[in-house]
Amino acid sequence: MFTGLIREIAKVDSFIDGKLKIKSQHKAKLGDSIAINGVCLTVIKVNSDGFTVEVASETESIVPIEKFQGFVHIEPAMQLNDRFEGHIVQGHIDCIGEVIKISNLTSGKDYFIKVPQNKIKYIIPKGSITIDGVSLTVNDVYDNSFRLTIIPHTLEETLIKSYKVGTKVNIETDMFARYIEHLLSNRAKKNSLSWHEIDSINMSY
């Protein structure tokens, strides 16, 4: 589990045959879970200047190659004794969004991001969303897009400052929105759910 608070902007050293080598100051351990631009990946090798994670072929088929190039956001998995901030993030990418408009504000910028039509139901005004691993708050939701206001501090500390119109972003919608929608859709198919079925749904998240 993650919080969506970026711990470091690291650099991709290489990405060959599903092996993603990261140059980082973070002292990873073998088997650690680390989110790379919001994608939960497992450390398979510890290097003198960073670590290597493995990217599954299914992940490669969903996540744009540019999300594993250049500089990337990283966040190690949350520990039980860590202070909880941000919001609950699983590191599972729901879809790929696209920046369609950027507006300058007196303090910060507005980013308008388009998503597949079937994902907009999981995006809630004033709710949480994760963009390339960054925990953010949704301002407005439209038919197939949403608006984020990014404050100067977040722009300075993340790669969002480099986004342009056309930039692709990894999106993880709010876990609770998905949970509730899944629960209600199953309930609609039946008159009621058994406790066993509720537990099964709960375990799927």
N, C-alpha and C. Protein backbone atom coordinates (compact mmCIF):
# COMPACT_ATOMS: atom_id res chain seq x y z
N MET A 1 0.84 -1.18 0.00
CA MET A 1 0.00 0.00 0.00
C MET A 1 0.88 1.25 0.00
N PHE A 2 0.40 2.29 -0.67
CA PHE A 2 1.14 3.54 -0.77
C PHE A 2 0.24 4.70 -0.35
N THR A 3 0.83 5.89 -0.28
CA THR A 3 0.07 7.07 0.12
C THR A 3 -0.06 8.11 -0.98
N GLY A 4 0.71 7.96 -2.04
CA GLY A 4 0.68 8.94 -3.11
C GLY A 4 1.54 10.16 -2.84
N LEU A 5 2.42 10.06 -1.85
CA LEU A 5 3.36 11.13 -1.55
C LEU A 5 4.73 10.74 -2.09
N ILE A 6 5.21 11.48 -3.06
CA ILE A 6 6.45 11.13 -3.75
C ILE A 6 7.65 11.34 -2.82
N ARG A 7 8.49 10.32 -2.74
CA ARG A 7 9.67 10.39 -1.86
C ARG A 7 10.91 10.85 -2.59
N GLU A 8 10.93 10.64 -3.91
CA GLU A 8 12.12 11.01 -4.67
C GLU A 8 11.79 11.03 -6.16
N ILE A 9 12.47 11.91 -6.88
CA ILE A 9 12.44 11.83 -8.34
C ILE A 9 13.74 11.15 -8.75
N ALA A 10 13.60 9.94 -9.26
CA ALA A 10 14.76 9.12 -9.62
C ALA A 10 14.92 9.09 -11.14
N LYS A 11 15.97 8.46 -11.61
CA LYS A 11 16.26 8.42 -13.05
C LYS A 11 16.33 6.98 -13.54
N VAL A 12 15.71 6.73 -14.67
CA VAL A 12 15.78 5.41 -15.30
C VAL A 12 17.14 5.25 -15.96
N ASP A 13 17.84 4.20 -15.59
CA ASP A 13 19.15 3.90 -16.18
C ASP A 13 18.96 3.07 -17.45
N SER A 14 18.05 2.09 -17.39
CA SER A 14 17.78 1.27 -18.57
C SER A 14 16.47 0.52 -18.38
N PHE A 15 15.87 0.11 -19.47
CA PHE A 15 14.65 -0.71 -19.44
C PHE A 15 14.76 -1.73 -20.57
N ILE A 16 15.19 -2.93 -20.21
CA ILE A 16 15.47 -3.97 -21.20
C ILE A 16 14.83 -5.28 -20.77
N ASP A 17 14.06 -5.88 -21.68
CA ASP A 17 13.44 -7.19 -21.42
C ASP A 17 12.67 -7.22 -20.09
N GLY A 18 11.93 -6.17 -19.83
CA GLY A 18 11.11 -6.13 -18.63
C GLY A 18 11.84 -5.78 -17.35
N LYS A 19 13.14 -5.56 -17.45
CA LYS A 19 13.94 -5.19 -16.27
C LYS A 19 14.19 -3.68 -16.28
N LEU A 20 13.66 -3.01 -15.27
CA LEU A 20 13.75 -1.56 -15.17
C LEU A 20 14.79 -1.20 -14.12
N LYS A 21 15.90 -0.64 -14.56
CA LYS A 21 16.99 -0.28 -13.65
C LYS A 21 16.87 1.20 -13.30
N ILE A 22 16.81 1.47 -11.99
CA ILE A 22 16.60 2.82 -11.50
C ILE A 22 17.81 3.32 -10.72
N LYS A 23 18.26 4.54 -11.04
CA LYS A 23 19.28 5.20 -10.24
C LYS A 23 18.57 6.02 -9.17
N SER A 24 18.85 5.72 -7.91
CA SER A 24 18.10 6.33 -6.83
C SER A 24 18.93 6.40 -5.56
N GLN A 25 18.62 7.39 -4.70
CA GLN A 25 19.26 7.47 -3.39
C GLN A 25 18.58 6.55 -2.39
N HIS A 26 17.38 6.08 -2.71
CA HIS A 26 16.64 5.20 -1.81
C HIS A 26 17.36 3.86 -1.66
N LYS A 27 17.52 3.43 -0.42
CA LYS A 27 18.20 2.17 -0.15
C LYS A 27 17.16 1.03 -0.14
N ALA A 28 16.93 0.47 -1.29
CA ALA A 28 15.93 -0.60 -1.43
C ALA A 28 16.49 -1.93 -0.94
N LYS A 29 15.58 -2.83 -0.64
CA LYS A 29 15.94 -4.19 -0.27
C LYS A 29 15.30 -5.15 -1.25
N LEU A 30 15.91 -6.30 -1.42
CA LEU A 30 15.38 -7.31 -2.32
C LEU A 30 13.96 -7.68 -1.90
N GLY A 31 13.03 -7.65 -2.85
CA GLY A 31 11.65 -8.00 -2.56
C GLY A 31 10.77 -6.83 -2.17
N ASP A 32 11.36 -5.66 -1.98
CA ASP A 32 10.58 -4.46 -1.65
C ASP A 32 9.58 -4.12 -2.76
N SER A 33 8.45 -3.56 -2.37
CA SER A 33 7.50 -3.01 -3.33
C SER A 33 7.75 -1.51 -3.42
N ILE A 34 7.92 -1.03 -4.64
CA ILE A 34 8.16 0.40 -4.86
C ILE A 34 7.29 0.85 -6.03
N ALA A 35 6.59 1.96 -5.84
CA ALA A 35 5.77 2.52 -6.92
C ALA A 35 6.63 3.40 -7.81
N ILE A 36 6.64 3.07 -9.10
CA ILE A 36 7.36 3.86 -10.10
C ILE A 36 6.31 4.55 -10.97
N ASN A 37 6.22 5.86 -10.86
CA ASN A 37 5.15 6.61 -11.53
C ASN A 37 3.78 6.00 -11.25
N GLY A 38 3.61 5.54 -10.01
CA GLY A 38 2.32 5.01 -9.59
C GLY A 38 2.12 3.53 -9.82
N VAL A 39 3.08 2.85 -10.44
CA VAL A 39 2.98 1.42 -10.73
C VAL A 39 3.73 0.64 -9.66
N CYS A 40 3.03 -0.23 -8.95
CA CYS A 40 3.66 -1.04 -7.91
C CYS A 40 4.52 -2.13 -8.55
N LEU A 41 5.82 -2.10 -8.27
CA LEU A 41 6.76 -3.06 -8.85
C LEU A 41 7.64 -3.64 -7.73
N THR A 42 8.22 -4.81 -8.00
CA THR A 42 9.02 -5.52 -6.99
C THR A 42 10.50 -5.43 -7.30
N VAL A 43 11.28 -5.11 -6.28
CA VAL A 43 12.73 -5.04 -6.44
C VAL A 43 13.31 -6.45 -6.59
N ILE A 44 14.02 -6.68 -7.69
CA ILE A 44 14.62 -8.00 -7.94
C ILE A 44 16.14 -7.96 -7.82
N LYS A 45 16.69 -6.74 -7.74
CA LYS A 45 18.15 -6.62 -7.60
C LYS A 45 18.47 -5.28 -6.96
N VAL A 46 19.41 -5.30 -6.03
CA VAL A 46 19.88 -4.06 -5.41
C VAL A 46 21.23 -3.71 -6.02
N ASN A 47 21.34 -2.50 -6.54
CA ASN A 47 22.57 -2.05 -7.19
C ASN A 47 23.27 -1.01 -6.33
N SER A 48 24.51 -0.74 -6.64
CA SER A 48 25.29 0.23 -5.85
C SER A 48 24.71 1.64 -5.94
N ASP A 49 24.04 1.93 -7.05
CA ASP A 49 23.49 3.27 -7.24
C ASP A 49 21.97 3.28 -7.35
N GLY A 50 21.33 2.19 -6.87
CA GLY A 50 19.88 2.13 -6.96
C GLY A 50 19.36 0.71 -6.89
N PHE A 51 18.43 0.40 -7.78
CA PHE A 51 17.81 -0.93 -7.74
C PHE A 51 17.19 -1.25 -9.09
N THR A 52 16.82 -2.53 -9.26
CA THR A 52 16.17 -2.99 -10.48
C THR A 52 14.84 -3.63 -10.10
N VAL A 53 13.80 -3.29 -10.84
CA VAL A 53 12.48 -3.89 -10.65
C VAL A 53 12.06 -4.59 -11.94
N GLU A 54 11.09 -5.50 -11.79
CA GLU A 54 10.62 -6.24 -12.96
C GLU A 54 9.22 -5.76 -13.34
N VAL A 55 9.03 -5.52 -14.64
CA VAL A 55 7.75 -5.05 -15.16
C VAL A 55 7.09 -6.19 -15.93
N ALA A 56 5.90 -6.59 -15.50
CA ALA A 56 5.19 -7.69 -16.15
C ALA A 56 4.75 -7.27 -17.55
N SER A 57 4.61 -8.25 -18.43
CA SER A 57 4.20 -7.96 -19.82
C SER A 57 2.82 -7.30 -19.87
N GLU A 58 1.94 -7.69 -18.94
CA GLU A 58 0.61 -7.06 -18.89
C GLU A 58 0.72 -5.58 -18.56
N THR A 59 1.62 -5.25 -17.63
CA THR A 59 1.84 -3.84 -17.28
C THR A 59 2.39 -3.08 -18.47
N GLU A 60 3.33 -3.69 -19.18
CA GLU A 60 3.89 -3.05 -20.38
C GLU A 60 2.83 -2.78 -21.42
N SER A 61 1.81 -3.65 -21.50
CA SER A 61 0.77 -3.49 -22.50
C SER A 61 -0.20 -2.35 -22.15
N ILE A 62 -0.20 -1.93 -20.88
CA ILE A 62 -1.11 -0.89 -20.42
C ILE A 62 -0.41 0.46 -20.28
N VAL A 63 0.77 0.45 -19.67
CA VAL A 63 1.47 1.68 -19.33
C VAL A 63 2.34 2.14 -20.51
N PRO A 64 2.23 3.40 -20.92
CA PRO A 64 3.05 3.91 -22.02
C PRO A 64 4.54 3.80 -21.71
N ILE A 65 5.33 3.52 -22.72
CA ILE A 65 6.76 3.32 -22.54
C ILE A 65 7.43 4.54 -21.92
N GLU A 66 6.91 5.75 -22.22
CA GLU A 66 7.54 6.95 -21.69
C GLU A 66 7.43 7.07 -20.17
N LYS A 67 6.51 6.30 -19.57
CA LYS A 67 6.40 6.31 -18.10
C LYS A 67 7.55 5.55 -17.45
N PHE A 68 8.33 4.81 -18.26
CA PHE A 68 9.49 4.09 -17.76
C PHE A 68 10.77 4.60 -18.43
N GLN A 69 10.77 5.89 -18.71
CA GLN A 69 11.92 6.53 -19.32
C GLN A 69 12.22 7.84 -18.60
N GLY A 70 13.46 8.30 -18.70
CA GLY A 70 13.82 9.59 -18.14
C GLY A 70 13.71 9.62 -16.62
N PHE A 71 13.11 10.67 -16.10
CA PHE A 71 12.92 10.81 -14.66
C PHE A 71 11.56 10.27 -14.26
N VAL A 72 11.49 9.68 -13.05
CA VAL A 72 10.25 9.05 -12.59
C VAL A 72 10.02 9.35 -11.11
N HIS A 73 8.74 9.37 -10.73
CA HIS A 73 8.38 9.47 -9.32
C HIS A 73 8.57 8.11 -8.66
N ILE A 74 9.11 8.07 -7.45
CA ILE A 74 9.16 6.80 -6.73
C ILE A 74 8.62 7.00 -5.31
N GLU A 75 7.95 5.95 -4.84
CA GLU A 75 7.49 5.90 -3.45
C GLU A 75 7.60 4.46 -2.95
N PRO A 76 8.39 4.22 -1.92
CA PRO A 76 8.45 2.88 -1.31
C PRO A 76 7.11 2.56 -0.65
N ALA A 77 6.78 1.29 -0.56
CA ALA A 77 5.54 0.88 0.09
C ALA A 77 5.51 1.36 1.53
N MET A 78 4.31 1.68 1.99
CA MET A 78 4.12 2.20 3.34
C MET A 78 4.40 1.10 4.37
N GLN A 79 5.08 1.48 5.45
CA GLN A 79 5.33 0.57 6.57
C GLN A 79 4.25 0.75 7.63
N LEU A 80 4.04 -0.27 8.45
CA LEU A 80 2.99 -0.23 9.45
C LEU A 80 3.17 0.91 10.46
N ASN A 81 4.40 1.28 10.72
CA ASN A 81 4.66 2.34 11.71
C ASN A 81 4.81 3.72 11.08
N ASP A 82 4.55 3.83 9.76
CA ASP A 82 4.66 5.12 9.08
C ASP A 82 3.47 6.01 9.42
N ARG A 83 3.70 7.32 9.37
CA ARG A 83 2.61 8.28 9.49
C ARG A 83 1.79 8.22 8.21
N PHE A 84 0.46 8.16 8.36
CA PHE A 84 -0.41 8.06 7.19
C PHE A 84 -0.81 9.44 6.71
N GLU A 85 -0.42 9.76 5.46
CA GLU A 85 -0.81 11.02 4.82
C GLU A 85 -1.28 10.67 3.41
N GLY A 86 -1.58 11.67 2.59
CA GLY A 86 -2.05 11.38 1.25
C GLY A 86 -3.37 10.64 1.31
N HIS A 87 -3.49 9.57 0.50
CA HIS A 87 -4.66 8.70 0.58
C HIS A 87 -4.25 7.28 0.24
N ILE A 88 -5.14 6.33 0.40
CA ILE A 88 -4.79 4.92 0.16
C ILE A 88 -4.61 4.68 -1.33
N VAL A 89 -3.41 4.26 -1.68
CA VAL A 89 -3.04 3.99 -3.08
C VAL A 89 -2.54 2.56 -3.18
N GLN A 90 -3.03 1.82 -4.17
CA GLN A 90 -2.63 0.41 -4.31
C GLN A 90 -1.47 0.20 -5.27
N GLY A 91 -1.25 1.16 -6.16
CA GLY A 91 -0.21 0.98 -7.18
C GLY A 91 -0.70 0.19 -8.37
N HIS A 92 -2.03 0.15 -8.57
CA HIS A 92 -2.65 -0.54 -9.69
C HIS A 92 -3.23 0.50 -10.64
N ILE A 93 -2.71 0.58 -11.84
CA ILE A 93 -3.14 1.59 -12.79
C ILE A 93 -4.49 1.20 -13.42
N ASP A 94 -5.47 2.09 -13.27
CA ASP A 94 -6.81 1.82 -13.82
C ASP A 94 -6.90 2.17 -15.29
N CYS A 95 -6.23 3.24 -15.69
CA CYS A 95 -6.29 3.66 -17.08
C CYS A 95 -5.20 4.70 -17.34
N ILE A 96 -5.07 5.06 -18.59
CA ILE A 96 -4.12 6.10 -19.00
C ILE A 96 -4.92 7.34 -19.37
N GLY A 97 -4.55 8.46 -18.77
CA GLY A 97 -5.19 9.73 -19.09
C GLY A 97 -4.30 10.56 -20.00
N GLU A 98 -4.86 11.65 -20.51
CA GLU A 98 -4.10 12.55 -21.39
C GLU A 98 -4.39 13.99 -21.00
N VAL A 99 -3.33 14.77 -20.83
CA VAL A 99 -3.50 16.19 -20.54
C VAL A 99 -4.04 16.87 -21.79
N ILE A 100 -5.20 17.52 -21.67
CA ILE A 100 -5.81 18.17 -22.84
C ILE A 100 -5.81 19.70 -22.74
N LYS A 101 -5.53 20.23 -21.54
CA LYS A 101 -5.51 21.68 -21.38
C LYS A 101 -4.77 22.02 -20.10
N ILE A 102 -4.00 23.11 -20.13
CA ILE A 102 -3.32 23.62 -18.94
C ILE A 102 -3.58 25.11 -18.86
N SER A 103 -4.06 25.56 -17.71
CA SER A 103 -4.35 26.99 -17.52
C SER A 103 -3.51 27.53 -16.36
N ASN A 104 -2.84 28.64 -16.61
CA ASN A 104 -2.05 29.28 -15.55
C ASN A 104 -2.97 30.04 -14.59
N LEU A 105 -2.68 29.93 -13.30
CA LEU A 105 -3.41 30.64 -12.28
C LEU A 105 -2.47 31.63 -11.59
N THR A 106 -3.01 32.47 -10.73
CA THR A 106 -2.18 33.39 -9.97
C THR A 106 -1.18 32.62 -9.12
N SER A 107 -1.64 31.50 -8.57
CA SER A 107 -0.78 30.63 -7.78
C SER A 107 -1.05 29.18 -8.18
N GLY A 108 -0.21 28.64 -9.05
CA GLY A 108 -0.37 27.27 -9.50
C GLY A 108 -0.93 27.18 -10.92
N LYS A 109 -1.41 25.99 -11.26
CA LYS A 109 -1.94 25.74 -12.60
C LYS A 109 -3.12 24.78 -12.52
N ASP A 110 -4.04 24.91 -13.47
CA ASP A 110 -5.12 23.95 -13.64
C ASP A 110 -4.73 23.00 -14.76
N TYR A 111 -4.91 21.69 -14.50
CA TYR A 111 -4.67 20.66 -15.51
C TYR A 111 -5.99 19.95 -15.79
N PHE A 112 -6.35 19.86 -17.05
CA PHE A 112 -7.54 19.15 -17.48
C PHE A 112 -7.09 17.84 -18.12
N ILE A 113 -7.59 16.72 -17.61
CA ILE A 113 -7.13 15.40 -18.04
C ILE A 113 -8.30 14.57 -18.56
N LYS A 114 -8.14 14.05 -19.75
CA LYS A 114 -9.16 13.21 -20.37
C LYS A 114 -8.91 11.75 -20.02
N VAL A 115 -9.99 11.00 -19.74
CA VAL A 115 -9.89 9.58 -19.41
C VAL A 115 -10.92 8.80 -20.23
N PRO A 116 -10.76 7.47 -20.33
CA PRO A 116 -11.78 6.67 -21.00
C PRO A 116 -13.15 6.87 -20.34
N GLN A 117 -14.19 6.88 -21.16
CA GLN A 117 -15.54 7.17 -20.68
C GLN A 117 -15.96 6.24 -19.54
N ASN A 118 -15.57 4.97 -19.60
CA ASN A 118 -16.01 4.01 -18.58
C ASN A 118 -15.30 4.17 -17.24
N LYS A 119 -14.32 5.09 -17.16
CA LYS A 119 -13.60 5.31 -15.90
C LYS A 119 -14.05 6.57 -15.17
N ILE A 120 -14.79 7.43 -15.85
CA ILE A 120 -15.16 8.71 -15.25
C ILE A 120 -16.04 8.53 -14.01
N LYS A 121 -16.77 7.41 -13.94
CA LYS A 121 -17.66 7.18 -12.80
C LYS A 121 -16.90 6.98 -11.50
N TYR A 122 -15.61 6.68 -11.59
CA TYR A 122 -14.80 6.47 -10.39
C TYR A 122 -14.11 7.76 -9.94
N ILE A 123 -14.32 8.83 -10.67
CA ILE A 123 -13.65 10.10 -10.35
C ILE A 123 -14.70 11.05 -9.80
N ILE A 124 -14.47 11.51 -8.56
CA ILE A 124 -15.49 12.23 -7.80
C ILE A 124 -15.00 13.64 -7.48
N PRO A 125 -15.85 14.67 -7.67
CA PRO A 125 -15.45 16.03 -7.29
C PRO A 125 -15.03 16.10 -5.82
N LYS A 126 -13.88 16.70 -5.56
CA LYS A 126 -13.27 16.82 -4.23
C LYS A 126 -12.80 15.47 -3.69
N GLY A 127 -12.81 14.45 -4.53
CA GLY A 127 -12.30 13.14 -4.14
C GLY A 127 -10.82 13.02 -4.47
N SER A 128 -10.24 11.88 -4.13
CA SER A 128 -8.82 11.66 -4.35
C SER A 128 -8.56 10.93 -5.66
N ILE A 129 -7.41 11.22 -6.24
CA ILE A 129 -6.97 10.52 -7.45
C ILE A 129 -5.45 10.50 -7.44
N THR A 130 -4.87 9.52 -8.11
CA THR A 130 -3.41 9.41 -8.18
C THR A 130 -2.98 9.57 -9.63
N ILE A 131 -2.12 10.53 -9.88
CA ILE A 131 -1.60 10.82 -11.21
C ILE A 131 -0.10 10.56 -11.21
N ASP A 132 0.33 9.54 -11.96
CA ASP A 132 1.75 9.16 -11.98
C ASP A 132 2.31 9.00 -10.56
N GLY A 133 1.46 8.45 -9.68
CA GLY A 133 1.88 8.17 -8.32
C GLY A 133 1.70 9.31 -7.34
N VAL A 134 1.20 10.47 -7.81
CA VAL A 134 1.03 11.64 -6.95
C VAL A 134 -0.41 11.72 -6.46
N SER A 135 -0.60 11.79 -5.15
CA SER A 135 -1.93 11.92 -4.56
C SER A 135 -2.44 13.35 -4.75
N LEU A 136 -3.61 13.48 -5.41
CA LEU A 136 -4.16 14.79 -5.71
C LEU A 136 -5.66 14.81 -5.44
N THR A 137 -6.22 16.02 -5.39
CA THR A 137 -7.65 16.19 -5.18
C THR A 137 -8.31 16.67 -6.46
N VAL A 138 -9.40 16.02 -6.83
CA VAL A 138 -10.15 16.40 -8.03
C VAL A 138 -10.99 17.64 -7.73
N ASN A 139 -10.95 18.62 -8.62
CA ASN A 139 -11.78 19.82 -8.45
C ASN A 139 -13.13 19.66 -9.13
N ASP A 140 -13.11 19.44 -10.44
CA ASP A 140 -14.35 19.30 -11.21
C ASP A 140 -14.28 18.05 -12.07
N VAL A 141 -15.45 17.48 -12.34
CA VAL A 141 -15.55 16.30 -13.20
C VAL A 141 -16.51 16.61 -14.34
N TYR A 142 -16.10 16.25 -15.57
CA TYR A 142 -16.91 16.50 -16.76
C TYR A 142 -17.30 15.16 -17.39
N ASP A 143 -17.80 15.19 -18.61
CA ASP A 143 -18.28 13.96 -19.26
C ASP A 143 -17.19 12.91 -19.41
N ASN A 144 -16.02 13.32 -19.83
CA ASN A 144 -14.92 12.35 -20.00
C ASN A 144 -13.57 12.95 -19.60
N SER A 145 -13.61 13.92 -18.69
CA SER A 145 -12.38 14.55 -18.23
C SER A 145 -12.59 15.14 -16.84
N PHE A 146 -11.51 15.61 -16.24
CA PHE A 146 -11.59 16.22 -14.92
C PHE A 146 -10.53 17.31 -14.80
N ARG A 147 -10.69 18.15 -13.78
CA ARG A 147 -9.77 19.26 -13.56
C ARG A 147 -9.07 19.15 -12.21
N LEU A 148 -7.77 19.39 -12.23
CA LEU A 148 -6.95 19.42 -11.03
C LEU A 148 -6.31 20.79 -10.90
N THR A 149 -6.25 21.31 -9.70
CA THR A 149 -5.49 22.52 -9.45
C THR A 149 -4.22 22.13 -8.70
N ILE A 150 -3.07 22.42 -9.30
CA ILE A 150 -1.79 22.03 -8.72
C ILE A 150 -1.10 23.27 -8.14
N ILE A 151 -0.82 23.23 -6.85
CA ILE A 151 -0.21 24.36 -6.18
C ILE A 151 1.29 24.43 -6.51
N PRO A 152 1.91 25.59 -6.34
CA PRO A 152 3.33 25.75 -6.67
C PRO A 152 4.25 24.74 -5.99
N HIS A 153 4.00 24.42 -4.72
CA HIS A 153 4.86 23.46 -4.02
C HIS A 153 4.85 22.10 -4.72
N THR A 154 3.66 21.62 -5.09
CA THR A 154 3.57 20.31 -5.77
C THR A 154 4.23 20.37 -7.14
N LEU A 155 4.06 21.49 -7.84
CA LEU A 155 4.72 21.64 -9.14
C LEU A 155 6.23 21.57 -8.99
N GLU A 156 6.74 22.21 -7.95
CA GLU A 156 8.18 22.26 -7.74
C GLU A 156 8.74 20.89 -7.37
N GLU A 157 7.98 20.10 -6.62
CA GLU A 157 8.49 18.85 -6.07
C GLU A 157 8.18 17.61 -6.91
N THR A 158 7.45 17.78 -8.02
CA THR A 158 7.08 16.63 -8.86
C THR A 158 7.36 16.92 -10.33
N LEU A 159 7.18 15.90 -11.14
CA LEU A 159 7.38 16.04 -12.59
C LEU A 159 6.19 16.69 -13.29
N ILE A 160 5.12 16.98 -12.54
CA ILE A 160 3.93 17.57 -13.15
C ILE A 160 4.27 18.90 -13.82
N LYS A 161 5.27 19.59 -13.30
CA LYS A 161 5.68 20.87 -13.90
C LYS A 161 6.12 20.72 -15.35
N SER A 162 6.52 19.51 -15.75
CA SER A 162 6.99 19.29 -17.13
C SER A 162 5.89 18.82 -18.07
N TYR A 163 4.69 18.58 -17.54
CA TYR A 163 3.60 18.08 -18.38
C TYR A 163 3.19 19.14 -19.40
N LYS A 164 2.83 18.65 -20.58
CA LYS A 164 2.33 19.50 -21.66
C LYS A 164 1.02 18.93 -22.18
N VAL A 165 0.33 19.69 -23.00
CA VAL A 165 -0.86 19.14 -23.66
C VAL A 165 -0.42 17.94 -24.49
N GLY A 166 -1.09 16.81 -24.29
CA GLY A 166 -0.71 15.57 -24.98
C GLY A 166 0.06 14.61 -24.11
N THR A 167 0.55 15.05 -22.95
CA THR A 167 1.27 14.16 -22.04
C THR A 167 0.34 13.06 -21.53
N LYS A 168 0.80 11.82 -21.59
CA LYS A 168 0.06 10.68 -21.06
C LYS A 168 0.40 10.49 -19.58
N VAL A 169 -0.60 10.14 -18.78
CA VAL A 169 -0.36 9.97 -17.34
C VAL A 169 -1.01 8.68 -16.85
N ASN A 170 -0.35 8.03 -15.90
CA ASN A 170 -0.92 6.86 -15.23
C ASN A 170 -1.96 7.32 -14.22
N ILE A 171 -3.12 6.69 -14.25
CA ILE A 171 -4.19 7.09 -13.34
C ILE A 171 -4.65 5.91 -12.49
N GLU A 172 -4.70 6.14 -11.18
CA GLU A 172 -5.36 5.21 -10.27
C GLU A 172 -6.49 5.96 -9.59
N THR A 173 -7.71 5.52 -9.83
CA THR A 173 -8.87 6.18 -9.24
C THR A 173 -8.99 5.80 -7.77
N ASP A 174 -9.90 6.47 -7.08
CA ASP A 174 -10.07 6.24 -5.65
C ASP A 174 -10.56 4.82 -5.37
N MET A 175 -9.86 4.13 -4.48
CA MET A 175 -10.18 2.74 -4.17
C MET A 175 -11.61 2.59 -3.64
N PHE A 176 -12.05 3.53 -2.81
CA PHE A 176 -13.37 3.41 -2.21
C PHE A 176 -14.48 3.62 -3.24
N ALA A 177 -14.24 4.48 -4.24
CA ALA A 177 -15.22 4.66 -5.32
C ALA A 177 -15.38 3.36 -6.10
N ARG A 178 -14.27 2.69 -6.37
CA ARG A 178 -14.35 1.41 -7.09
C ARG A 178 -15.04 0.35 -6.23
N TYR A 179 -14.70 0.35 -4.94
CA TYR A 179 -15.28 -0.63 -4.01
C TYR A 179 -16.80 -0.48 -3.94
N ILE A 180 -17.27 0.75 -3.76
CA ILE A 180 -18.71 0.99 -3.63
C ILE A 180 -19.45 0.65 -4.92
N GLU A 181 -18.87 1.04 -6.07
CA GLU A 181 -19.51 0.75 -7.35
C GLU A 181 -19.61 -0.76 -7.57
N HIS A 182 -18.55 -1.48 -7.22
CA HIS A 182 -18.54 -2.94 -7.39
C HIS A 182 -19.58 -3.59 -6.48
N LEU A 183 -19.66 -3.10 -5.24
CA LEU A 183 -20.60 -3.64 -4.28
C LEU A 183 -22.04 -3.41 -4.74
N LEU A 184 -22.33 -2.19 -5.20
CA LEU A 184 -23.69 -1.86 -5.63
C LEU A 184 -24.08 -2.58 -6.91
N SER A 185 -23.13 -2.75 -7.83
CA SER A 185 -23.45 -3.45 -9.07
C SER A 185 -23.76 -4.91 -8.81
N ASN A 186 -23.06 -5.52 -7.84
CA ASN A 186 -23.36 -6.90 -7.48
C ASN A 186 -24.69 -7.00 -6.74
N ARG A 187 -24.97 -6.01 -5.91
CA ARG A 187 -26.23 -6.01 -5.18
C ARG A 187 -27.42 -5.87 -6.13
N ALA A 188 -27.22 -5.10 -7.21
CA ALA A 188 -28.30 -4.89 -8.18
C ALA A 188 -28.66 -6.17 -8.92
N LYS A 189 -27.70 -7.08 -9.01
CA LYS A 189 -27.94 -8.34 -9.72
C LYS A 189 -28.73 -9.32 -8.86
N LYS A 190 -28.69 -9.08 -7.54
CA LYS A 190 -29.38 -9.98 -6.61
C LYS A 190 -30.20 -9.15 -5.63
N ASN A 191 -31.04 -9.78 -4.90
CA ASN A 191 -31.81 -9.07 -3.88
C ASN A 191 -30.93 -8.70 -2.68
N SER A 192 -29.93 -9.52 -2.43
CA SER A 192 -29.02 -9.25 -1.31
C SER A 192 -27.73 -10.03 -1.53
N LEU A 193 -26.73 -9.71 -0.72
CA LEU A 193 -25.45 -10.40 -0.76
C LEU A 193 -25.22 -11.13 0.55
N SER A 194 -24.61 -12.30 0.47
CA SER A 194 -24.26 -13.02 1.69
C SER A 194 -22.99 -12.40 2.27
N TRP A 195 -22.73 -12.67 3.56
CA TRP A 195 -21.50 -12.18 4.17
C TRP A 195 -20.28 -12.75 3.48
N HIS A 196 -20.40 -13.99 3.01
CA HIS A 196 -19.29 -14.61 2.29
C HIS A 196 -18.98 -13.83 1.02
N GLU A 197 -20.03 -13.42 0.30
CA GLU A 197 -19.83 -12.65 -0.93
C GLU A 197 -19.24 -11.28 -0.63
N ILE A 198 -19.69 -10.64 0.45
CA ILE A 198 -19.15 -9.34 0.83
C ILE A 198 -17.67 -9.47 1.18
N ASP A 199 -17.31 -10.53 1.92
CA ASP A 199 -15.91 -10.77 2.26
C ASP A 199 -15.08 -10.99 1.00
N SER A 200 -15.64 -11.73 0.04
CA SER A 200 -14.91 -11.98 -1.21
C SER A 200 -14.66 -10.70 -1.98
N ILE A 201 -15.66 -9.83 -2.02
CA ILE A 201 -15.50 -8.54 -2.69
C ILE A 201 -14.44 -7.71 -1.98
N ASN A 202 -14.52 -7.70 -0.66
CA ASN A 202 -13.58 -6.93 0.15
C ASN A 202 -12.14 -7.41 -0.09
N MET A 203 -11.94 -8.72 -0.17
CA MET A 203 -10.61 -9.27 -0.34
C MET A 203 -10.05 -8.95 -1.73
N SER A 204 -10.94 -8.70 -2.70
CA SER A 204 -10.48 -8.38 -4.06
C SER A 204 -9.79 -7.03 -4.12
N TYR A 205 -9.96 -6.22 -3.06
CA TYR A 205 -9.30 -4.93 -3.01
C TYR A 205 -8.14 -4.93 -2.03
